[in-house]
Amino acid sequence: RNTECVTVAQTKEDTAKIFEMVLRMHQDDPNYGKLDKDRKDALAYKLLRTDFSIATAGGKGVARGAKYSRVHGSEVAFWALNDRDTDNLIAALGEAARRGEMVLESTANGMGGWFYEKWQEAISGNSIWTPLFLGWYMDARNQIQISAQERAEIIETLTDEEAHLVDKFSCNINQLAWRREKRKGGRKAEKMFQQEYPATAEEAFIASGTCYFSIDDIENALRNCKEPIRESEGLAIWKEPEHGHKYIVAADTSEGNTGSDPSPIGVLDWRTGEQVARLNGVFKPSTLGFKCVEFAKKYNGALIAVENNNTG
């Protein structure tokens, strides 16, 4: 009762499909209330004072003058809007739903763009959004029943990648069997599986984009990442400085203004290539310089290498 909901999708075709799904639920569920009117872009229940409407991102009048209980943005990473227009639309929808709830969902669309940036902000804790990733193993349908012999064969031929899925996400053998079946067909099928059924958010963004480095190598590196020995407020330490080791402090600058990209600092062991420390945050170039010097002093007088571009 007294609920006004809207779903905003990326194209008119997708908007229409979502509306068809909701209309089908209404038609098939006897518990739904009687429709007052049946417009092509909304379901309205007069007695309940409830509306469900749809809109297309970039369409005229979206969120203008509205007050929503629920806002659902669908496939946001594929909205055909520039970052500023997306910001403006989300701000308008957020204002319309300031006493309600707003959810933005999407398949990943590469490492870049508005959705990716908002995701990065959310997982870093510097955001009003709560990040939620749904991996393929969370769906109970993503498994197949196999024989005892097939089960033994999978256990015998378990790959490092599969062992990681068992250890990290408690995947069972039936799930691994389903995964192997889906990945049959060579590298193309494996790539498609990574894109459509990612296990982690990192894998989702990497697999859906174009990478300079091998995706397999990136994923292998991610799987073998170790937890830092301590971490707080953007600072992570994996190893303290060791006597006789040489280090490099690398930094990627930004203007350090509201809305700027983060300015990460990474400390690498010159000999092993291991990352031993990291600081991530939005810093003015001058502040970033002082922080680089602090790291260099701590790590045996390390070489400082700063991005030589624009603010660098």
Protein backbone atom coordinates (compact mmCIF):
# COMPACT_ATOMS: atom_id res chain seq x y z
CA ARG A 1 0.00 0.00 0.00
CA ASN A 2 0.97 3.63 -0.67
CA THR A 3 3.99 2.60 -2.71
CA GLU A 4 5.28 4.16 -5.91
CA CYS A 5 7.97 2.19 -7.73
CA VAL A 6 9.93 2.83 -10.91
CA THR A 7 12.40 0.77 -12.94
CA VAL A 8 14.79 2.65 -15.23
CA ALA A 9 16.45 0.57 -17.97
CA GLN A 10 19.03 1.32 -20.67
CA THR A 11 16.89 1.07 -23.84
CA LYS A 12 13.22 1.26 -24.76
CA GLU A 13 13.32 -2.43 -25.72
CA ASP A 14 14.71 -3.49 -22.34
CA THR A 15 12.26 -1.22 -20.55
CA ALA A 16 9.40 -2.89 -22.40
CA LYS A 17 10.71 -6.38 -21.53
CA ILE A 18 10.90 -5.53 -17.83
CA PHE A 19 7.35 -4.19 -17.92
CA GLU A 20 6.16 -7.40 -19.63
CA MET A 21 7.71 -9.42 -16.77
CA VAL A 22 5.89 -7.40 -14.13
CA LEU A 23 2.62 -7.50 -16.06
CA ARG A 24 2.94 -11.29 -16.38
CA MET A 25 3.41 -11.58 -12.61
CA HIS A 26 0.27 -9.51 -12.10
CA GLN A 27 -1.74 -11.63 -14.51
CA ASP A 28 -0.57 -14.96 -13.06
CA ASP A 29 -0.80 -14.16 -9.35
CA PRO A 30 -4.33 -14.18 -7.89
CA ASN A 31 -3.09 -12.27 -4.83
CA TYR A 32 -2.47 -9.13 -6.82
CA GLY A 33 -5.01 -6.35 -6.38
CA LYS A 34 -7.31 -5.19 -9.15
CA LEU A 35 -5.75 -2.78 -11.60
CA ASP A 36 -7.35 0.63 -11.81
CA LYS A 37 -5.83 1.29 -15.20
CA ASP A 38 -3.53 -0.58 -17.51
CA ARG A 39 -1.23 1.86 -19.26
CA LYS A 40 1.56 0.64 -21.49
CA ASP A 41 4.16 2.10 -19.13
CA ALA A 42 2.62 1.58 -15.69
CA LEU A 43 0.49 -0.61 -13.44
CA ALA A 44 -1.75 1.36 -11.10
CA TYR A 45 -3.78 0.07 -8.16
CA LYS A 46 -6.21 2.78 -7.08
CA LEU A 47 -7.45 1.05 -3.91
CA LEU A 48 -3.87 0.37 -2.75
CA ARG A 49 -2.64 3.81 -3.87
CA THR A 50 0.25 1.99 -5.51
CA ASP A 51 1.93 2.48 -8.90
CA PHE A 52 4.64 0.58 -10.75
CA SER A 53 6.07 2.47 -13.72
CA ILE A 54 8.99 2.13 -16.11
CA ALA A 55 11.27 4.64 -17.78
CA THR A 56 14.27 4.71 -20.09
CA ALA A 57 17.55 6.31 -19.01
CA GLY A 58 17.82 9.58 -20.90
CA GLY A 59 14.07 9.78 -21.49
CA LYS A 60 12.22 13.02 -20.88
CA GLY A 61 10.72 13.74 -17.49
CA VAL A 62 12.32 10.84 -15.62
CA ALA A 63 12.06 11.55 -11.88
CA ARG A 64 10.75 15.06 -12.45
CA GLY A 65 8.41 15.96 -9.61
CA ALA A 66 8.14 12.30 -8.50
CA LYS A 67 8.32 10.79 -5.02
CA TYR A 68 9.26 7.13 -5.12
CA SER A 69 9.24 4.42 -2.47
CA ARG A 70 11.44 2.19 -4.62
CA VAL A 71 13.81 2.98 -7.50
CA HIS A 72 15.45 0.22 -9.53
CA GLY A 73 18.14 1.10 -12.09
CA SER A 74 18.68 -1.85 -14.43
CA GLU A 75 21.93 -2.60 -16.31
CA VAL A 76 23.32 0.78 -15.29
CA ALA A 77 26.77 0.06 -16.76
CA PHE A 78 25.16 0.02 -20.22
CA TRP A 79 23.14 3.24 -20.00
CA ALA A 80 23.81 5.34 -23.10
CA LEU A 81 24.60 8.46 -21.06
CA ASN A 82 27.81 10.31 -20.35
CA ASP A 83 29.06 10.45 -16.75
CA ARG A 84 27.60 13.90 -16.07
CA ASP A 85 24.14 12.96 -17.36
CA THR A 86 24.25 9.72 -15.35
CA ASP A 87 25.21 11.68 -12.23
CA ASN A 88 22.34 14.10 -12.82
CA LEU A 89 19.79 11.32 -13.40
CA ILE A 90 20.90 9.32 -10.34
CA ALA A 91 20.83 12.50 -8.23
CA ALA A 92 17.28 13.26 -9.41
CA LEU A 93 16.13 9.69 -8.74
CA GLY A 94 17.86 9.74 -5.36
CA GLU A 95 16.11 12.98 -4.45
CA ALA A 96 12.78 11.50 -5.54
CA ALA A 97 13.44 8.42 -3.39
CA ARG A 98 15.14 10.10 -0.42
CA ARG A 99 12.62 8.53 1.97
CA GLY A 100 12.68 5.18 0.19
CA GLU A 101 15.17 2.75 -1.33
CA MET A 102 17.27 2.83 -4.49
CA VAL A 103 19.01 -0.15 -6.08
CA LEU A 104 21.36 -0.04 -9.08
CA GLU A 105 22.18 -3.39 -10.69
CA SER A 106 24.20 -4.33 -13.73
CA THR A 107 26.30 -6.88 -15.48
CA ALA A 108 29.87 -5.56 -15.45
CA ASN A 109 30.99 -3.65 -18.54
CA GLY A 110 34.76 -3.41 -18.30
CA MET A 111 37.11 -1.60 -15.91
CA GLY A 112 35.99 1.95 -16.49
CA GLY A 113 32.95 4.15 -16.74
CA TRP A 114 30.42 5.49 -14.25
CA PHE A 115 29.24 2.16 -12.82
CA TYR A 116 32.77 0.82 -12.31
CA GLU A 117 33.85 4.03 -10.56
CA LYS A 118 30.83 3.96 -8.24
CA TRP A 119 31.52 0.31 -7.45
CA GLN A 120 35.15 1.12 -6.55
CA GLU A 121 33.99 3.95 -4.28
CA ALA A 122 31.43 1.67 -2.63
CA ILE A 123 33.87 -1.15 -1.82
CA SER A 124 36.39 1.37 -0.47
CA GLY A 125 33.76 2.70 1.93
CA ASN A 126 33.84 6.21 0.44
CA SER A 127 30.27 6.16 -0.78
CA ILE A 128 26.61 6.31 0.21
CA TRP A 129 26.09 3.04 -1.70
CA THR A 130 26.27 -0.46 -0.22
CA PRO A 131 28.11 -2.85 -2.60
CA LEU A 132 26.62 -6.28 -3.23
CA PHE A 133 28.11 -8.86 -5.61
CA LEU A 134 26.27 -12.05 -6.53
CA GLY A 135 28.57 -14.84 -7.75
CA TRP A 136 27.44 -17.79 -9.85
CA TYR A 137 27.94 -20.24 -6.95
CA MET A 138 25.21 -18.44 -4.93
CA ASP A 139 22.53 -19.77 -7.29
CA ALA A 140 21.48 -23.25 -6.15
CA ARG A 141 20.50 -24.14 -9.73
CA ASN A 142 24.11 -23.89 -10.89
CA GLN A 143 25.03 -27.52 -10.24
CA ILE A 144 24.38 -30.92 -11.76
CA GLN A 145 24.03 -34.38 -10.25
CA ILE A 146 26.88 -36.72 -11.18
CA SER A 147 27.81 -40.34 -10.59
CA ALA A 148 30.25 -41.53 -7.96
CA GLN A 149 32.80 -42.24 -10.71
CA GLU A 150 32.48 -38.73 -12.17
CA ARG A 151 32.81 -37.31 -8.68
CA ALA A 152 36.02 -39.25 -8.10
CA GLU A 153 37.39 -38.07 -11.47
CA ILE A 154 36.79 -34.41 -10.61
CA ILE A 155 38.48 -34.82 -7.22
CA GLU A 156 41.42 -36.54 -8.90
CA THR A 157 41.82 -33.80 -11.55
CA LEU A 158 41.03 -30.76 -9.39
CA THR A 159 42.80 -27.67 -10.76
CA ASP A 160 44.31 -24.88 -8.64
CA GLU A 161 41.47 -22.63 -9.80
CA GLU A 162 38.84 -25.15 -8.70
CA ALA A 163 40.63 -25.74 -5.39
CA HIS A 164 40.45 -21.98 -4.82
CA LEU A 165 36.67 -22.02 -5.44
CA VAL A 166 36.27 -24.82 -2.91
CA ASP A 167 38.46 -23.10 -0.34
CA LYS A 168 37.18 -19.53 -0.85
CA PHE A 169 33.49 -20.08 -1.63
CA SER A 170 32.83 -23.61 -0.33
CA CYS A 171 31.84 -24.85 -3.80
CA ASN A 172 30.82 -28.51 -3.89
CA ILE A 173 31.66 -31.13 -6.53
CA ASN A 174 28.25 -30.83 -8.22
CA GLN A 175 28.88 -27.12 -8.71
CA LEU A 176 32.33 -27.79 -10.13
CA ALA A 177 30.80 -30.35 -12.51
CA TRP A 178 28.31 -27.71 -13.71
CA ARG A 179 31.15 -25.23 -14.17
CA ARG A 180 33.21 -27.70 -16.21
CA GLU A 181 30.19 -28.45 -18.42
CA LYS A 182 29.59 -24.75 -19.05
CA ARG A 183 33.24 -24.15 -19.94
CA LYS A 184 33.45 -26.91 -22.53
CA GLY A 185 34.32 -25.64 -26.01
CA GLY A 186 37.80 -24.20 -25.68
CA ARG A 187 39.04 -20.74 -24.81
CA LYS A 188 35.99 -18.97 -26.26
CA ALA A 189 33.63 -20.88 -23.95
CA GLU A 190 35.89 -20.24 -20.96
CA LYS A 191 35.97 -16.51 -21.76
CA MET A 192 32.18 -16.44 -22.08
CA PHE A 193 31.82 -18.21 -18.74
CA GLN A 194 34.08 -15.66 -17.03
CA GLN A 195 31.96 -12.86 -18.44
CA GLU A 196 28.50 -14.32 -17.74
CA TYR A 197 29.26 -16.28 -14.55
CA PRO A 198 31.99 -14.45 -12.61
CA ALA A 199 32.95 -15.65 -9.14
CA THR A 200 34.11 -12.24 -7.91
CA ALA A 201 33.49 -8.60 -8.78
CA GLU A 202 37.12 -8.26 -9.91
CA GLU A 203 36.66 -11.15 -12.34
CA ALA A 204 33.40 -9.63 -13.61
CA PHE A 205 34.98 -6.29 -14.50
CA ILE A 206 38.17 -7.84 -15.91
CA ALA A 207 36.42 -10.45 -18.06
CA SER A 208 33.90 -7.97 -19.50
CA GLY A 209 36.59 -5.50 -20.58
CA THR A 210 39.61 -5.35 -22.85
CA CYS A 211 42.84 -5.94 -20.92
CA TYR A 212 46.42 -5.30 -21.93
CA PHE A 213 47.56 -8.13 -19.68
CA SER A 214 46.42 -11.74 -19.89
CA ILE A 215 43.14 -12.21 -18.01
CA ASP A 216 44.34 -15.63 -16.81
CA ASP A 217 47.51 -14.06 -15.37
CA ILE A 218 45.50 -11.30 -13.66
CA GLU A 219 43.09 -13.79 -12.12
CA ASN A 220 45.95 -16.02 -11.00
CA ALA A 221 47.59 -13.02 -9.32
CA LEU A 222 44.31 -12.11 -7.62
CA ARG A 223 43.87 -15.66 -6.32
CA ASN A 224 47.34 -15.61 -4.83
CA CYS A 225 47.01 -12.23 -3.16
CA LYS A 226 47.73 -12.35 0.57
CA GLU A 227 45.89 -10.43 3.24
CA PRO A 228 47.93 -7.48 4.63
CA ILE A 229 49.40 -7.81 8.11
CA ARG A 230 47.58 -4.61 8.98
CA GLU A 231 45.16 -2.30 7.20
CA SER A 232 43.30 0.89 8.08
CA GLU A 233 41.91 3.98 6.30
CA GLY A 234 43.35 3.15 2.88
CA LEU A 235 46.75 2.03 4.21
CA ALA A 236 47.74 -1.61 3.83
CA ILE A 237 51.06 -3.16 4.89
CA TRP A 238 52.09 -6.62 3.72
CA LYS A 239 55.74 -6.53 4.82
CA GLU A 240 57.85 -4.22 6.95
CA PRO A 241 61.14 -3.00 5.44
CA GLU A 242 63.87 -5.65 5.46
CA HIS A 243 67.57 -4.95 5.95
CA GLY A 244 69.51 -4.97 2.69
CA HIS A 245 66.39 -4.77 0.47
CA LYS A 246 65.84 -2.00 -2.05
CA TYR A 247 62.36 -0.62 -2.68
CA ILE A 248 60.45 1.51 -5.18
CA VAL A 249 57.66 3.93 -4.22
CA ALA A 250 55.32 4.50 -7.20
CA ALA A 251 52.48 7.04 -7.24
CA ASP A 252 49.62 7.92 -9.58
CA THR A 253 48.63 11.55 -9.05
CA SER A 254 45.30 13.32 -9.43
CA GLU A 255 44.13 16.89 -8.77
CA GLY A 256 42.90 15.81 -5.34
CA ASN A 257 39.58 17.63 -5.64
CA THR A 258 36.09 16.38 -4.82
CA GLY A 259 35.23 13.96 -7.61
CA SER A 260 38.90 13.33 -8.51
CA ASP A 261 40.24 9.83 -8.98
CA PRO A 262 42.11 8.33 -6.01
CA SER A 263 45.87 8.92 -5.80
CA PRO A 264 47.33 5.50 -4.96
CA ILE A 265 50.87 4.89 -3.73
CA GLY A 266 52.40 1.43 -4.07
CA VAL A 267 55.66 0.21 -2.52
CA LEU A 268 57.43 -2.64 -4.31
CA ASP A 269 60.38 -4.79 -3.32
CA TRP A 270 62.95 -4.09 -6.05
CA ARG A 271 64.35 -7.62 -6.00
CA THR A 272 61.20 -9.77 -5.73
CA GLY A 273 58.60 -7.50 -7.31
CA GLU A 274 56.32 -8.04 -4.33
CA GLN A 275 54.02 -5.23 -3.28
CA VAL A 276 54.78 -4.59 0.39
CA ALA A 277 52.62 -1.52 1.08
CA ARG A 278 49.81 0.56 -0.40
CA LEU A 279 48.09 3.84 0.39
CA ASN A 280 44.90 4.73 -1.45
CA GLY A 281 42.97 8.00 -1.10
CA VAL A 282 42.28 11.36 -2.69
CA PHE A 283 45.27 13.64 -2.03
CA LYS A 284 46.44 17.00 -3.35
CA PRO A 285 49.69 16.61 -5.36
CA SER A 286 51.74 18.36 -2.65
CA THR A 287 50.31 16.09 0.08
CA LEU A 288 50.95 13.04 -2.10
CA GLY A 289 54.59 14.13 -2.47
CA PHE A 290 55.12 14.28 1.29
CA LYS A 291 53.50 10.86 1.73
CA CYS A 292 55.81 9.40 -0.94
CA VAL A 293 58.81 10.79 0.98
CA GLU A 294 57.51 9.25 4.22
CA PHE A 295 57.29 5.85 2.53
CA ALA A 296 60.75 6.27 0.96
CA LYS A 297 62.33 7.06 4.34
CA LYS A 298 60.60 4.11 5.98
CA TYR A 299 61.61 1.67 3.23
CA ASN A 300 65.40 2.11 3.22
CA GLY A 301 65.56 5.30 1.16
CA ALA A 302 63.46 3.92 -1.68
CA LEU A 303 63.47 5.28 -5.22
CA ILE A 304 60.36 7.43 -5.82
CA ALA A 305 58.70 7.08 -9.24
CA VAL A 306 55.76 9.43 -9.82
CA GLU A 307 53.50 9.52 -12.87
CA ASN A 308 54.87 12.24 -15.17
CA ASN A 309 51.60 13.41 -16.70
CA ASN A 310 49.38 16.44 -16.00
CA THR A 311 49.44 16.85 -12.19
CA GLY A 312 52.40 14.48 -12.02
